[in-house]
Amino acid sequence: MTIDLNCDLGESFGVWPMGDDAAMVELATSVNVACGFHAGDADTMKKTVDLAKAHGVSIGAHPGYRDLHGFGRRPIAGITPSEIENLVAYQIGALQAIATMAGHKVTHVKAHGALANVACEDDTTARAIASAIRAVDPDLIFVALANSRLVTAGEAVGLPMVHEVFADRAYEDDGSLVSRRKPGAVLHHADDIARRVVRMLQSGEIISITGKAIKMRMDTVCIHGDTPGAVSIARAVRKALKDNGIEVAPFRAMK
């Protein structure tokens, strides 16, 4: 059994740091880089890409709503499908340019925060994200929440797909993520999270906040870089995977 570990990085902005990217990039096998809309800036993107390249880690664009103040975690009402397509394409292109400067390559795309959450429940938003990715480069891998409308949208336009589960987030009974506005939505205890990840991978199921078992395909596990204690969580997960004979390796996309 093998699994990819992905992490959202490059979320600092100017002199304001967010997370320990240098430590996390040593523990991940793929990273999703903020592209300046919800977090990040050109200098932070370049530093993150350089870090990833130095450690042989693949990079993906992590586009979100234009919402620096809210870290991209607030839905934006009234945004049209064409506006979503344009903002996603814009952010992918920004990271592609930075990656070219650094001699690295953008291989995947994963929507961030509220944009991803809305798309998991709204077909129109999901289709707009998938269409933008395909228009920029149909070979870009689409990393999407397992069992969500994002998966359906990506498959419909023929994108190579990777199905994602979360180490540090709780799930509702329908397989969606528990809203961050609710208590218990974000998990923090490193050892508990590590055991949870091992159980998920061995069983092929996630357990919802009420105890319901939900079958999911699992190609990659996300650990948020901005979660307090993220480095400790990632280290505990890596150790637990090794102790249980589960190899950590870059994901393989499926058409």
C-alpha atoms as a PDB file:
ATOM      1  CA  MET A   1       0.000   0.000   0.000  1.00  0.00           C
ATOM      2  CA  THR A   2       1.246   3.482  -0.885  1.00  0.00           C
ATOM      3  CA  ILE A   3      -0.163   6.929  -0.167  1.00  0.00           C
ATOM      4  CA  ASP A   4       0.759  10.491  -1.050  1.00  0.00           C
ATOM      5  CA  LEU A   5       0.928  13.149   1.664  1.00  0.00           C
ATOM      6  CA  ASN A   6       0.019  16.619   0.437  1.00  0.00           C
ATOM      7  CA  CYS A   7       0.287  19.916   2.280  1.00  0.00           C
ATOM      8  CA  ASP A   8      -0.921  23.451   1.576  1.00  0.00           C
ATOM      9  CA  LEU A   9       2.129  25.738   1.674  1.00  0.00           C
ATOM     10  CA  GLY A  10       3.248  29.197   0.569  1.00  0.00           C
ATOM     11  CA  GLU A  11       0.536  30.833   2.668  1.00  0.00           C
ATOM     12  CA  SER A  12       2.683  33.540   4.205  1.00  0.00           C
ATOM     13  CA  PHE A  13       2.169  37.086   2.957  1.00  0.00           C
ATOM     14  CA  GLY A  14       4.966  39.655   2.910  1.00  0.00           C
ATOM     15  CA  VAL A  15       6.410  39.863   6.431  1.00  0.00           C
ATOM     16  CA  TRP A  16       3.532  37.865   7.966  1.00  0.00           C
ATOM     17  CA  PRO A  17       4.503  34.180   8.262  1.00  0.00           C
ATOM     18  CA  MET A  18       2.070  31.278   8.133  1.00  0.00           C
ATOM     19  CA  GLY A  19       3.208  27.766   8.971  1.00  0.00           C
ATOM     20  CA  ASP A  20       6.638  26.127   8.849  1.00  0.00           C
ATOM     21  CA  ASP A  21       7.089  25.461   5.147  1.00  0.00           C
ATOM     22  CA  ALA A  22      10.723  24.379   5.455  1.00  0.00           C
ATOM     23  CA  ALA A  23       9.814  21.601   7.885  1.00  0.00           C
ATOM     24  CA  MET A  24       6.604  20.539   6.148  1.00  0.00           C
ATOM     25  CA  VAL A  25       8.175  20.196   2.707  1.00  0.00           C
ATOM     26  CA  GLU A  26      10.501  17.539   4.134  1.00  0.00           C
ATOM     27  CA  LEU A  27       7.496  15.474   5.243  1.00  0.00           C
ATOM     28  CA  ALA A  28       5.195  15.864   2.222  1.00  0.00           C
ATOM     29  CA  THR A  29       5.390  14.216  -1.179  1.00  0.00           C
ATOM     30  CA  SER A  30       3.360  16.934  -2.897  1.00  0.00           C
ATOM     31  CA  VAL A  31       2.574  20.521  -1.979  1.00  0.00           C
ATOM     32  CA  ASN A  32      -0.171  22.939  -2.990  1.00  0.00           C
ATOM     33  CA  VAL A  33       1.089  26.491  -3.340  1.00  0.00           C
ATOM     34  CA  ALA A  34      -1.067  29.543  -2.587  1.00  0.00           C
ATOM     35  CA  CYS A  35      -1.226  31.746  -5.661  1.00  0.00           C
ATOM     36  CA  GLY A  36      -1.780  35.202  -4.198  1.00  0.00           C
ATOM     37  CA  PHE A  37      -5.568  35.382  -3.904  1.00  0.00           C
ATOM     38  CA  HIS A  38      -6.231  33.818  -0.486  1.00  0.00           C
ATOM     39  CA  ALA A  39      -2.605  33.996   0.673  1.00  0.00           C
ATOM     40  CA  GLY A  40       0.911  34.179  -0.684  1.00  0.00           C
ATOM     41  CA  ASP A  41       2.640  36.618  -2.983  1.00  0.00           C
ATOM     42  CA  ALA A  42       5.222  36.402  -5.762  1.00  0.00           C
ATOM     43  CA  ASP A  43       8.202  36.219  -3.388  1.00  0.00           C
ATOM     44  CA  THR A  44       6.550  33.638  -1.138  1.00  0.00           C
ATOM     45  CA  MET A  45       5.566  31.554  -4.155  1.00  0.00           C
ATOM     46  CA  LYS A  46       9.153  31.581  -5.418  1.00  0.00           C
ATOM     47  CA  LYS A  47      10.559  30.561  -2.023  1.00  0.00           C
ATOM     48  CA  THR A  48       8.036  27.742  -1.773  1.00  0.00           C
ATOM     49  CA  VAL A  49       8.744  26.456  -5.256  1.00  0.00           C
ATOM     50  CA  ASP A  50      12.493  26.585  -4.586  1.00  0.00           C
ATOM     51  CA  LEU A  51      11.984  24.593  -1.370  1.00  0.00           C
ATOM     52  CA  ALA A  52       9.899  21.986  -3.142  1.00  0.00           C
ATOM     53  CA  LYS A  53      12.373  21.627  -5.988  1.00  0.00           C
ATOM     54  CA  ALA A  54      15.290  21.242  -3.576  1.00  0.00           C
ATOM     55  CA  HIS A  55      13.484  18.377  -1.838  1.00  0.00           C
ATOM     56  CA  GLY A  56      12.189  16.718  -4.998  1.00  0.00           C
ATOM     57  CA  VAL A  57       8.573  17.443  -4.116  1.00  0.00           C
ATOM     58  CA  SER A  58       5.926  18.061  -6.766  1.00  0.00           C
ATOM     59  CA  ILE A  59       4.013  21.332  -6.764  1.00  0.00           C
ATOM     60  CA  GLY A  60       0.438  22.224  -7.543  1.00  0.00           C
ATOM     61  CA  ALA A  61      -1.561  25.419  -7.777  1.00  0.00           C
ATOM     62  CA  HIS A  62      -3.918  26.116  -4.872  1.00  0.00           C
ATOM     63  CA  PRO A  63      -6.395  28.671  -6.241  1.00  0.00           C
ATOM     64  CA  GLY A  64      -9.043  30.257  -4.044  1.00  0.00           C
ATOM     65  CA  TYR A  65     -11.412  33.184  -3.901  1.00  0.00           C
ATOM     66  CA  ARG A  66      -9.826  36.654  -3.887  1.00  0.00           C
ATOM     67  CA  ASP A  67     -10.056  37.010  -0.106  1.00  0.00           C
ATOM     68  CA  LEU A  68      -6.765  37.797   1.618  1.00  0.00           C
ATOM     69  CA  HIS A  69      -8.531  39.169   4.666  1.00  0.00           C
ATOM     70  CA  GLY A  70     -10.493  35.968   5.218  1.00  0.00           C
ATOM     71  CA  PHE A  71      -7.764  33.556   4.041  1.00  0.00           C
ATOM     72  CA  GLY A  72     -10.099  32.417   1.272  1.00  0.00           C
ATOM     73  CA  ARG A  73     -12.376  30.663   3.727  1.00  0.00           C
ATOM     74  CA  ARG A  74     -15.439  32.857   3.161  1.00  0.00           C
ATOM     75  CA  PRO A  75     -17.835  32.091   0.288  1.00  0.00           C
ATOM     76  CA  ILE A  76     -18.321  34.920  -2.196  1.00  0.00           C
ATOM     77  CA  ALA A  77     -21.946  35.359  -3.251  1.00  0.00           C
ATOM     78  CA  GLY A  78     -22.913  36.274  -6.796  1.00  0.00           C
ATOM     79  CA  ILE A  79     -19.709  35.186  -8.507  1.00  0.00           C
ATOM     80  CA  THR A  80     -20.398  33.844 -12.004  1.00  0.00           C
ATOM     81  CA  PRO A  81     -19.036  30.639 -13.548  1.00  0.00           C
ATOM     82  CA  SER A  82     -16.927  32.634 -16.003  1.00  0.00           C
ATOM     83  CA  GLU A  83     -15.452  34.650 -13.133  1.00  0.00           C
ATOM     84  CA  ILE A  84     -14.556  31.412 -11.346  1.00  0.00           C
ATOM     85  CA  GLU A  85     -12.943  30.030 -14.489  1.00  0.00           C
ATOM     86  CA  ASN A  86     -10.918  33.206 -14.926  1.00  0.00           C
ATOM     87  CA  LEU A  87      -9.698  33.432 -11.321  1.00  0.00           C
ATOM     88  CA  VAL A  88      -8.666  29.762 -11.332  1.00  0.00           C
ATOM     89  CA  ALA A  89      -6.835  30.087 -14.667  1.00  0.00           C
ATOM     90  CA  TYR A  90      -5.160  33.312 -13.509  1.00  0.00           C
ATOM     91  CA  GLN A  91      -3.783  31.681 -10.376  1.00  0.00           C
ATOM     92  CA  ILE A  92      -2.575  28.563 -12.158  1.00  0.00           C
ATOM     93  CA  GLY A  93      -0.785  30.765 -14.677  1.00  0.00           C
ATOM     94  CA  ALA A  94       0.882  32.794 -11.939  1.00  0.00           C
ATOM     95  CA  LEU A  95       2.368  29.693 -10.351  1.00  0.00           C
ATOM     96  CA  GLN A  96       3.364  28.280 -13.727  1.00  0.00           C
ATOM     97  CA  ALA A  97       5.378  31.426 -14.411  1.00  0.00           C
ATOM     98  CA  ILE A  98       7.113  31.303 -11.030  1.00  0.00           C
ATOM     99  CA  ALA A  99       7.791  27.581 -11.437  1.00  0.00           C
ATOM    100  CA  THR A 100       9.341  28.158 -14.857  1.00  0.00           C
ATOM    101  CA  MET A 101      11.675  30.745 -13.335  1.00  0.00           C
ATOM    102  CA  ALA A 102      12.704  28.200 -10.703  1.00  0.00           C
ATOM    103  CA  GLY A 103      13.159  25.345 -13.172  1.00  0.00           C
ATOM    104  CA  HIS A 104      10.270  23.378 -11.676  1.00  0.00           C
ATOM    105  CA  LYS A 105       6.864  22.358 -13.081  1.00  0.00           C
ATOM    106  CA  VAL A 106       3.284  22.657 -11.909  1.00  0.00           C
ATOM    107  CA  THR A 107       1.784  19.167 -12.054  1.00  0.00           C
ATOM    108  CA  HIS A 108      -1.553  19.468 -10.270  1.00  0.00           C
ATOM    109  CA  VAL A 109      -4.312  21.795  -9.067  1.00  0.00           C
ATOM    110  CA  LYS A 110      -6.289  21.697  -5.836  1.00  0.00           C
ATOM    111  CA  ALA A 111      -8.956  24.275  -5.050  1.00  0.00           C
ATOM    112  CA  HIS A 112      -8.628  26.049  -1.706  1.00  0.00           C
ATOM    113  CA  GLY A 113     -10.967  26.786   1.179  1.00  0.00           C
ATOM    114  CA  ALA A 114     -14.413  28.173   0.503  1.00  0.00           C
ATOM    115  CA  LEU A 115     -14.011  27.785  -3.265  1.00  0.00           C
ATOM    116  CA  ALA A 116     -13.458  24.048  -2.828  1.00  0.00           C
ATOM    117  CA  ASN A 117     -16.171  23.720  -0.188  1.00  0.00           C
ATOM    118  CA  VAL A 118     -18.769  25.425  -2.368  1.00  0.00           C
ATOM    119  CA  ALA A 119     -17.745  23.315  -5.367  1.00  0.00           C
ATOM    120  CA  CYS A 120     -18.129  20.104  -3.374  1.00  0.00           C
ATOM    121  CA  GLU A 121     -21.851  20.875  -3.111  1.00  0.00           C
ATOM    122  CA  ASP A 122     -22.499  23.010  -6.209  1.00  0.00           C
ATOM    123  CA  ASP A 123     -22.201  21.482  -9.669  1.00  0.00           C
ATOM    124  CA  THR A 124     -21.861  24.846 -11.415  1.00  0.00           C
ATOM    125  CA  THR A 125     -18.845  25.893  -9.342  1.00  0.00           C
ATOM    126  CA  ALA A 126     -17.274  22.450  -9.658  1.00  0.00           C
ATOM    127  CA  ARG A 127     -17.657  22.480 -13.425  1.00  0.00           C
ATOM    128  CA  ALA A 128     -16.182  25.983 -13.670  1.00  0.00           C
ATOM    129  CA  ILE A 129     -13.061  24.914 -11.747  1.00  0.00           C
ATOM    130  CA  ALA A 130     -12.627  21.768 -13.830  1.00  0.00           C
ATOM    131  CA  SER A 131     -13.169  23.679 -17.086  1.00  0.00           C
ATOM    132  CA  ALA A 132     -10.543  26.248 -16.156  1.00  0.00           C
ATOM    133  CA  ILE A 133      -7.972  23.574 -15.350  1.00  0.00           C
ATOM    134  CA  ARG A 134      -8.616  21.755 -18.612  1.00  0.00           C
ATOM    135  CA  ALA A 135      -8.442  24.980 -20.619  1.00  0.00           C
ATOM    136  CA  VAL A 136      -5.027  25.841 -19.147  1.00  0.00           C
ATOM    137  CA  ASP A 137      -3.581  22.332 -19.500  1.00  0.00           C
ATOM    138  CA  PRO A 138      -5.612  19.107 -19.820  1.00  0.00           C
ATOM    139  CA  ASP A 139      -2.681  17.140 -18.414  1.00  0.00           C
ATOM    140  CA  LEU A 140      -2.809  18.923 -15.050  1.00  0.00           C
ATOM    141  CA  ILE A 141      -3.885  16.516 -12.315  1.00  0.00           C
ATOM    142  CA  PHE A 142      -7.019  17.556 -10.466  1.00  0.00           C
ATOM    143  CA  VAL A 143      -6.822  16.835  -6.721  1.00  0.00           C
ATOM    144  CA  ALA A 144     -10.373  16.691  -5.401  1.00  0.00           C
ATOM    145  CA  LEU A 145     -12.188  15.742  -2.214  1.00  0.00           C
ATOM    146  CA  ALA A 146     -13.176  12.087  -2.530  1.00  0.00           C
ATOM    147  CA  ASN A 147     -16.882  11.422  -3.213  1.00  0.00           C
ATOM    148  CA  SER A 148     -17.550  15.085  -4.033  1.00  0.00           C
ATOM    149  CA  ARG A 149     -18.979  16.951  -7.028  1.00  0.00           C
ATOM    150  CA  LEU A 150     -15.421  18.064  -7.819  1.00  0.00           C
ATOM    151  CA  VAL A 151     -14.591  14.477  -8.723  1.00  0.00           C
ATOM    152  CA  THR A 152     -17.626  14.227 -10.989  1.00  0.00           C
ATOM    153  CA  ALA A 153     -16.771  17.534 -12.692  1.00  0.00           C
ATOM    154  CA  GLY A 154     -13.150  16.582 -13.265  1.00  0.00           C
ATOM    155  CA  GLU A 155     -14.039  13.193 -14.680  1.00  0.00           C
ATOM    156  CA  ALA A 156     -16.625  14.754 -16.991  1.00  0.00           C
ATOM    157  CA  VAL A 157     -13.969  16.840 -18.779  1.00  0.00           C
ATOM    158  CA  GLY A 158     -11.380  14.057 -18.814  1.00  0.00           C
ATOM    159  CA  LEU A 159      -8.904  15.433 -16.295  1.00  0.00           C
ATOM    160  CA  PRO A 160      -6.514  13.002 -14.600  1.00  0.00           C
ATOM    161  CA  MET A 161      -7.902  12.689 -11.081  1.00  0.00           C
ATOM    162  CA  VAL A 162      -6.520  12.185  -7.590  1.00  0.00           C
ATOM    163  CA  HIS A 163      -8.969  11.556  -4.735  1.00  0.00           C
ATOM    164  CA  GLU A 164      -8.153  13.306  -1.464  1.00  0.00           C
ATOM    165  CA  VAL A 165      -8.969  12.657   2.184  1.00  0.00           C
ATOM    166  CA  PHE A 166      -8.039  14.828   5.148  1.00  0.00           C
ATOM    167  CA  ALA A 167      -5.977  13.854   8.156  1.00  0.00           C
ATOM    168  CA  ASP A 168      -6.849  16.842  10.317  1.00  0.00           C
ATOM    169  CA  ARG A 169     -10.494  17.536   9.435  1.00  0.00           C
ATOM    170  CA  ALA A 170     -13.730  15.959  10.674  1.00  0.00           C
ATOM    171  CA  TYR A 171     -16.364  14.652   8.247  1.00  0.00           C
ATOM    172  CA  GLU A 172     -20.130  14.948   8.139  1.00  0.00           C
ATOM    173  CA  ASP A 173     -22.337  11.907   7.473  1.00  0.00           C
ATOM    174  CA  ASP A 174     -22.601  12.838   3.774  1.00  0.00           C
ATOM    175  CA  GLY A 175     -18.822  12.759   3.328  1.00  0.00           C
ATOM    176  CA  SER A 176     -18.386  16.532   3.316  1.00  0.00           C
ATOM    177  CA  LEU A 177     -16.022  18.303   5.674  1.00  0.00           C
ATOM    178  CA  VAL A 178     -17.423  19.670   8.915  1.00  0.00           C
ATOM    179  CA  SER A 179     -17.598  23.461   8.692  1.00  0.00           C
ATOM    180  CA  ARG A 180     -14.764  25.238  10.446  1.00  0.00           C
ATOM    181  CA  ARG A 181     -17.447  27.259  12.229  1.00  0.00           C
ATOM    182  CA  LYS A 182     -18.439  24.128  14.165  1.00  0.00           C
ATOM    183  CA  PRO A 183     -16.555  22.777  17.183  1.00  0.00           C
ATOM    184  CA  GLY A 184     -14.425  19.741  16.438  1.00  0.00           C
ATOM    185  CA  ALA A 185     -14.049  20.545  12.746  1.00  0.00           C
ATOM    186  CA  VAL A 186     -10.246  20.704  12.947  1.00  0.00           C
ATOM    187  CA  LEU A 187      -8.334  17.935  14.704  1.00  0.00           C
ATOM    188  CA  HIS A 188      -5.172  18.708  16.658  1.00  0.00           C
ATOM    189  CA  HIS A 189      -3.876  15.694  18.624  1.00  0.00           C
ATOM    190  CA  ALA A 190      -0.987  14.297  16.559  1.00  0.00           C
ATOM    191  CA  ASP A 191      -1.077  10.685  17.772  1.00  0.00           C
ATOM    192  CA  ASP A 192      -4.861  10.432  17.412  1.00  0.00           C
ATOM    193  CA  ILE A 193      -4.660  11.838  13.891  1.00  0.00           C
ATOM    194  CA  ALA A 194      -1.895   9.391  12.975  1.00  0.00           C
ATOM    195  CA  ARG A 195      -3.928   6.408  14.167  1.00  0.00           C
ATOM    196  CA  ARG A 196      -6.960   7.769  12.321  1.00  0.00           C
ATOM    197  CA  VAL A 197      -5.036   7.998   9.039  1.00  0.00           C
ATOM    198  CA  VAL A 198      -3.776   4.436   9.331  1.00  0.00           C
ATOM    199  CA  ARG A 199      -7.306   3.165  10.034  1.00  0.00           C
ATOM    200  CA  MET A 200      -8.679   5.104   7.057  1.00  0.00           C
ATOM    201  CA  LEU A 201      -6.134   3.663   4.663  1.00  0.00           C
ATOM    202  CA  GLN A 202      -6.402   0.109   5.929  1.00  0.00           C
ATOM    203  CA  SER A 203     -10.202   0.084   5.837  1.00  0.00           C
ATOM    204  CA  GLY A 204     -10.816   2.334   2.835  1.00  0.00           C
ATOM    205  CA  GLU A 205     -13.315   4.221   4.961  1.00  0.00           C
ATOM    206  CA  ILE A 206     -13.525   7.530   6.760  1.00  0.00           C
ATOM    207  CA  ILE A 207     -15.511   7.740   9.983  1.00  0.00           C
ATOM    208  CA  SER A 208     -17.877  10.688  10.241  1.00  0.00           C
ATOM    209  CA  ILE A 209     -18.334  12.867  13.278  1.00  0.00           C
ATOM    210  CA  THR A 210     -21.299  10.681  14.326  1.00  0.00           C
ATOM    211  CA  GLY A 211     -19.443   7.406  13.761  1.00  0.00           C
ATOM    212  CA  LYS A 212     -20.763   6.543  10.302  1.00  0.00           C
ATOM    213  CA  ALA A 213     -18.336   4.617   8.053  1.00  0.00           C
ATOM    214  CA  ILE A 214     -18.121   5.973   4.498  1.00  0.00           C
ATOM    215  CA  LYS A 215     -16.237   4.199   1.703  1.00  0.00           C
ATOM    216  CA  MET A 216     -13.833   6.463  -0.173  1.00  0.00           C
ATOM    217  CA  ARG A 217     -11.066   6.094  -2.684  1.00  0.00           C
ATOM    218  CA  MET A 218      -7.867   7.482  -1.142  1.00  0.00           C
ATOM    219  CA  ASP A 219      -4.925   8.571  -3.299  1.00  0.00           C
ATOM    220  CA  THR A 220      -3.600  11.372  -1.118  1.00  0.00           C
ATOM    221  CA  VAL A 221      -3.947  12.548   2.473  1.00  0.00           C
ATOM    222  CA  CYS A 222      -3.879  16.278   3.266  1.00  0.00           C
ATOM    223  CA  ILE A 223      -2.321  17.850   6.339  1.00  0.00           C
ATOM    224  CA  HIS A 224      -2.955  21.605   6.488  1.00  0.00           C
ATOM    225  CA  GLY A 225       0.240  23.610   6.867  1.00  0.00           C
ATOM    226  CA  ASP A 226      -1.546  26.351   8.815  1.00  0.00           C
ATOM    227  CA  THR A 227      -2.981  23.966  11.437  1.00  0.00           C
ATOM    228  CA  PRO A 228      -1.308  24.562  14.833  1.00  0.00           C
ATOM    229  CA  GLY A 229       1.135  21.714  15.409  1.00  0.00           C
ATOM    230  CA  ALA A 230       1.165  20.767  11.711  1.00  0.00           C
ATOM    231  CA  VAL A 231       4.794  19.619  11.790  1.00  0.00           C
ATOM    232  CA  SER A 232       4.185  17.350  14.787  1.00  0.00           C
ATOM    233  CA  ILE A 233       1.076  15.968  13.102  1.00  0.00           C
ATOM    234  CA  ALA A 234       2.940  15.260   9.858  1.00  0.00           C
ATOM    235  CA  ARG A 235       5.791  13.550  11.696  1.00  0.00           C
ATOM    236  CA  ALA A 236       3.375  11.389  13.678  1.00  0.00           C
ATOM    237  CA  VAL A 237       1.524  10.418  10.504  1.00  0.00           C
ATOM    238  CA  ARG A 238       4.749   9.543   8.677  1.00  0.00           C
ATOM    239  CA  LYS A 239       5.905   7.382  11.593  1.00  0.00           C
ATOM    240  CA  ALA A 240       2.554   5.613  11.924  1.00  0.00           C
ATOM    241  CA  LEU A 241       2.473   4.864   8.209  1.00  0.00           C
ATOM    242  CA  LYS A 242       5.994   3.435   8.293  1.00  0.00           C
ATOM    243  CA  ASP A 243       5.239   1.364  11.396  1.00  0.00           C
ATOM    244  CA  ASN A 244       2.239  -0.145   9.609  1.00  0.00           C
ATOM    245  CA  GLY A 245       4.030  -0.919   6.350  1.00  0.00           C
ATOM    246  CA  ILE A 246       2.379   1.840   4.334  1.00  0.00           C
ATOM    247  CA  GLU A 247       4.758   3.519   1.893  1.00  0.00           C
ATOM    248  CA  VAL A 248       4.634   7.273   1.354  1.00  0.00           C
ATOM    249  CA  ALA A 249       5.076   8.133  -2.326  1.00  0.00           C
ATOM    250  CA  PRO A 250       3.819  10.676  -4.869  1.00  0.00           C
ATOM    251  CA  PHE A 251       0.272  10.064  -6.075  1.00  0.00           C
ATOM    252  CA  ARG A 252      -0.621   8.362  -9.322  1.00  0.00           C
ATOM    253  CA  ALA A 253      -3.331  10.078 -11.258  1.00  0.00           C
ATOM    254  CA  MET A 254      -6.142   8.092 -12.859  1.00  0.00           C
ATOM    255  CA  LYS A 255      -7.979   9.003 -16.064  1.00  0.00           C
END
